[in-house]
Amino acid sequence: MSNATFIRGRSAELRMGRVSEEFGCYSITKVVESRRAVLATDVTAKILFDSWQYLRTDNRIKLFAFCVMPDHFHFAICLMPGINLSKLMRDMSKFTSRELNKLVQTNGRFWQEGFHDHRCRNENELHELCSYIEHNPVRKQLVTDSVLWPYSSAFAANKHMFDREWCPSSASETPPTYSAKESTP
């Protein structure tokens, strides 16, 4: 069995049992095909940021944290009512793939098949995942402090791009608000 076959087979397993819950909070990871390091630039990150902003404006998601790394991205989101996680990721991947391929002058598949998702069990886990996402560049030794990575929600200029003041602690129609604890390096 080739490695490509194994990966393809594994991505199918990741989709088995995937459930989309209204007001469900998820941590998502999406990886560039062949792990090409093409994402962590101002122009490529802007395509992802603009895509997420569109999803926020269209009331499909609430965005809690994000980090664009050279060959993948992470984000923590809350699905709004009537939104299917797989369809959301498929639509976003199609749009960003088209735009990113134009930008880096390539054709064909931009993203690896599928994505990894983790359903947050409670608000504390959501806080931990947001911190984990924002500290990814520090763990990879790209910066010494998460607030220095310009392609992350930890970066001060990006604070307008996420919805941490809004968090569903239950699947109610009017989720309570909270103040997100600041992440520390």
Protein backbone atom coordinates (compact mmCIF):
# COMPACT_ATOMS: atom_id res chain seq x y z
CA MET A 1 0.00 0.00 0.00
CA SER A 2 1.48 3.36 -1.03
CA ASN A 3 1.65 6.29 1.35
CA ALA A 4 -0.84 8.27 -0.81
CA THR A 5 -3.33 5.42 -0.58
CA PHE A 6 -2.90 5.32 3.19
CA ILE A 7 -3.50 9.06 3.53
CA ARG A 8 -6.55 8.95 1.26
CA GLY A 9 -7.92 6.00 3.24
CA ARG A 10 -7.28 7.80 6.53
CA SER A 11 -9.03 10.99 5.41
CA ALA A 12 -12.15 8.93 4.68
CA GLU A 13 -11.99 7.56 8.23
CA LEU A 14 -11.80 11.10 9.59
CA ARG A 15 -15.13 11.90 7.90
CA MET A 16 -16.91 8.86 9.33
CA GLY A 17 -19.28 9.94 12.05
CA ARG A 18 -18.66 13.68 11.49
CA VAL A 19 -21.58 15.59 12.96
CA SER A 20 -22.41 19.26 12.54
CA GLU A 21 -24.05 20.74 15.62
CA GLU A 22 -25.74 24.13 15.79
CA PHE A 23 -23.60 26.33 18.04
CA GLY A 24 -21.01 23.53 18.12
CA CYS A 25 -17.45 24.80 18.53
CA TYR A 26 -14.75 23.11 16.47
CA SER A 27 -11.01 23.31 16.08
CA ILE A 28 -10.12 22.76 12.41
CA THR A 29 -6.81 22.06 10.66
CA LYS A 30 -6.44 22.23 6.87
CA VAL A 31 -3.15 21.34 5.13
CA VAL A 32 -1.66 22.37 1.78
CA GLU A 33 -1.16 19.54 -0.73
CA SER A 34 2.36 18.06 -0.39
CA ARG A 35 2.81 20.40 2.58
CA ARG A 36 4.14 23.16 0.30
CA ALA A 37 5.15 26.16 2.42
CA VAL A 38 3.17 28.84 0.57
CA LEU A 39 0.67 30.25 3.08
CA ALA A 40 2.53 32.46 5.56
CA THR A 41 2.78 35.61 3.46
CA ASP A 42 0.73 38.79 3.61
CA VAL A 43 -1.04 38.15 0.29
CA THR A 44 -1.83 34.46 0.84
CA ALA A 45 -2.98 35.00 4.43
CA LYS A 46 -5.25 37.82 3.23
CA ILE A 47 -7.12 35.37 0.99
CA LEU A 48 -7.81 33.14 3.99
CA PHE A 49 -8.68 36.10 6.24
CA ASP A 50 -11.09 37.48 3.62
CA SER A 51 -12.72 34.07 3.25
CA TRP A 52 -13.24 33.78 7.02
CA GLN A 53 -14.56 37.34 7.16
CA TYR A 54 -17.11 36.45 4.48
CA LEU A 55 -18.23 33.40 6.49
CA ARG A 56 -18.60 35.62 9.58
CA THR A 57 -20.52 38.32 7.70
CA ASP A 58 -22.80 35.68 6.13
CA ASN A 59 -23.54 34.43 9.68
CA ARG A 60 -22.17 30.94 9.02
CA ILE A 61 -19.52 30.97 11.74
CA LYS A 62 -18.20 32.77 14.76
CA LEU A 63 -14.41 32.85 14.68
CA PHE A 64 -12.59 32.43 18.00
CA ALA A 65 -8.93 31.91 17.02
CA PHE A 66 -6.82 31.30 13.94
CA CYS A 67 -3.24 30.79 12.83
CA VAL A 68 -1.91 30.57 9.30
CA MET A 69 1.30 28.55 9.22
CA PRO A 70 3.55 28.07 6.17
CA ASP A 71 1.86 24.83 5.06
CA HIS A 72 -1.42 24.66 6.97
CA PHE A 73 -3.89 26.67 9.00
CA HIS A 74 -5.83 26.19 12.21
CA PHE A 75 -8.97 27.92 13.32
CA ALA A 76 -11.49 27.59 16.11
CA ILE A 77 -15.05 28.31 15.05
CA CYS A 78 -18.65 27.99 16.15
CA LEU A 79 -21.15 26.77 13.56
CA MET A 80 -24.27 28.84 13.30
CA PRO A 81 -27.72 27.21 12.88
CA GLY A 82 -28.30 25.36 9.62
CA ILE A 83 -24.60 25.16 8.69
CA ASN A 84 -22.99 21.83 7.81
CA LEU A 85 -19.29 21.63 8.74
CA SER A 86 -18.29 19.47 5.76
CA LYS A 87 -20.11 21.72 3.28
CA LEU A 88 -18.66 24.85 4.89
CA MET A 89 -15.12 23.48 4.58
CA ARG A 90 -15.73 22.24 1.03
CA ASP A 91 -17.05 25.65 -0.09
CA MET A 92 -14.25 27.54 1.66
CA SER A 93 -11.62 25.16 0.26
CA LYS A 94 -12.92 25.55 -3.31
CA PHE A 95 -12.84 29.33 -3.14
CA THR A 96 -9.47 29.64 -1.42
CA SER A 97 -7.95 26.94 -3.63
CA ARG A 98 -8.92 28.83 -6.78
CA GLU A 99 -7.62 32.15 -5.44
CA LEU A 100 -4.41 30.74 -3.95
CA ASN A 101 -3.59 28.74 -7.09
CA LYS A 102 -3.89 31.96 -9.13
CA LEU A 103 -1.67 33.79 -6.68
CA VAL A 104 1.12 31.20 -6.51
CA GLN A 105 0.71 30.39 -10.22
CA THR A 106 -0.11 26.72 -9.87
CA ASN A 107 -2.91 24.47 -11.12
CA GLY A 108 -4.71 21.52 -9.66
CA ARG A 109 -5.30 20.56 -6.07
CA PHE A 110 -4.16 23.19 -3.59
CA TRP A 111 -5.35 21.57 -0.33
CA GLN A 112 -4.90 18.01 0.87
CA GLU A 113 -8.12 16.05 0.78
CA GLY A 114 -10.27 16.49 3.88
CA PHE A 115 -9.51 18.31 7.10
CA HIS A 116 -9.08 17.48 10.75
CA ASP A 117 -11.74 18.66 13.16
CA HIS A 118 -12.21 18.38 16.90
CA ARG A 119 -15.52 19.18 18.60
CA CYS A 120 -14.89 21.23 21.75
CA ARG A 121 -16.62 19.72 24.75
CA ASN A 122 -16.88 22.85 26.88
CA GLU A 123 -15.84 26.47 27.19
CA ASN A 124 -12.60 25.64 29.05
CA GLU A 125 -11.52 23.33 26.24
CA LEU A 126 -12.34 26.06 23.72
CA HIS A 127 -10.07 28.49 25.63
CA GLU A 128 -7.28 25.89 25.69
CA LEU A 129 -7.62 25.21 21.96
CA CYS A 130 -7.57 28.93 21.15
CA SER A 131 -4.35 29.30 23.12
CA TYR A 132 -2.90 26.18 21.48
CA ILE A 133 -3.74 27.55 18.00
CA GLU A 134 -2.23 30.96 18.73
CA HIS A 135 0.98 29.44 20.15
CA ASN A 136 1.65 27.20 17.15
CA PRO A 137 4.28 29.59 15.63
CA VAL A 138 6.13 29.64 18.96
CA ARG A 139 6.20 25.83 19.15
CA LYS A 140 7.51 25.74 15.56
CA GLN A 141 10.14 28.37 16.52
CA LEU A 142 8.95 30.89 13.93
CA VAL A 143 8.64 33.59 16.61
CA THR A 144 9.52 33.90 20.29
CA ASP A 145 6.10 35.21 21.33
CA SER A 146 2.71 34.43 19.77
CA VAL A 147 1.80 38.14 19.58
CA LEU A 148 4.62 38.58 17.03
CA TRP A 149 3.12 36.23 14.39
CA PRO A 150 1.18 38.45 11.96
CA TYR A 151 -0.97 35.58 10.64
CA SER A 152 -2.64 34.76 13.95
CA SER A 153 -5.46 35.98 16.13
CA ALA A 154 -2.82 36.68 18.81
CA PHE A 155 -1.43 39.52 16.67
CA ALA A 156 -2.89 42.85 17.88
CA ALA A 157 -3.83 44.12 14.40
CA ASN A 158 -6.05 41.05 13.87
CA LYS A 159 -8.22 41.43 16.99
CA HIS A 160 -11.12 42.79 14.91
CA MET A 161 -11.29 39.51 12.99
CA PHE A 162 -12.68 37.23 15.67
CA ASP A 163 -15.67 36.81 17.97
CA ARG A 164 -14.35 35.86 21.40
CA GLU A 165 -16.92 38.00 23.17
CA TRP A 166 -19.54 35.55 21.87
CA CYS A 167 -19.51 31.96 23.09
CA PRO A 168 -22.24 29.34 23.36
CA SER A 169 -21.95 27.46 26.61
CA SER A 170 -25.07 25.61 25.58
CA ALA A 171 -27.01 25.14 22.38
CA SER A 172 -29.37 28.00 23.20
CA GLU A 173 -30.48 30.57 20.65
CA THR A 174 -29.03 33.39 22.72
CA PRO A 175 -25.60 32.26 23.85
CA PRO A 176 -24.08 34.06 26.82
CA THR A 177 -21.11 36.34 26.37
CA TYR A 178 -17.79 36.02 28.11
CA SER A 179 -14.46 37.74 28.18
CA ALA A 180 -11.73 35.53 26.74
CA LYS A 181 -8.73 35.12 28.99
CA GLU A 182 -5.63 36.55 27.39
CA SER A 183 -3.15 34.01 26.14
CA THR A 184 0.30 34.22 27.61
CA PRO A 185 3.53 33.29 25.83
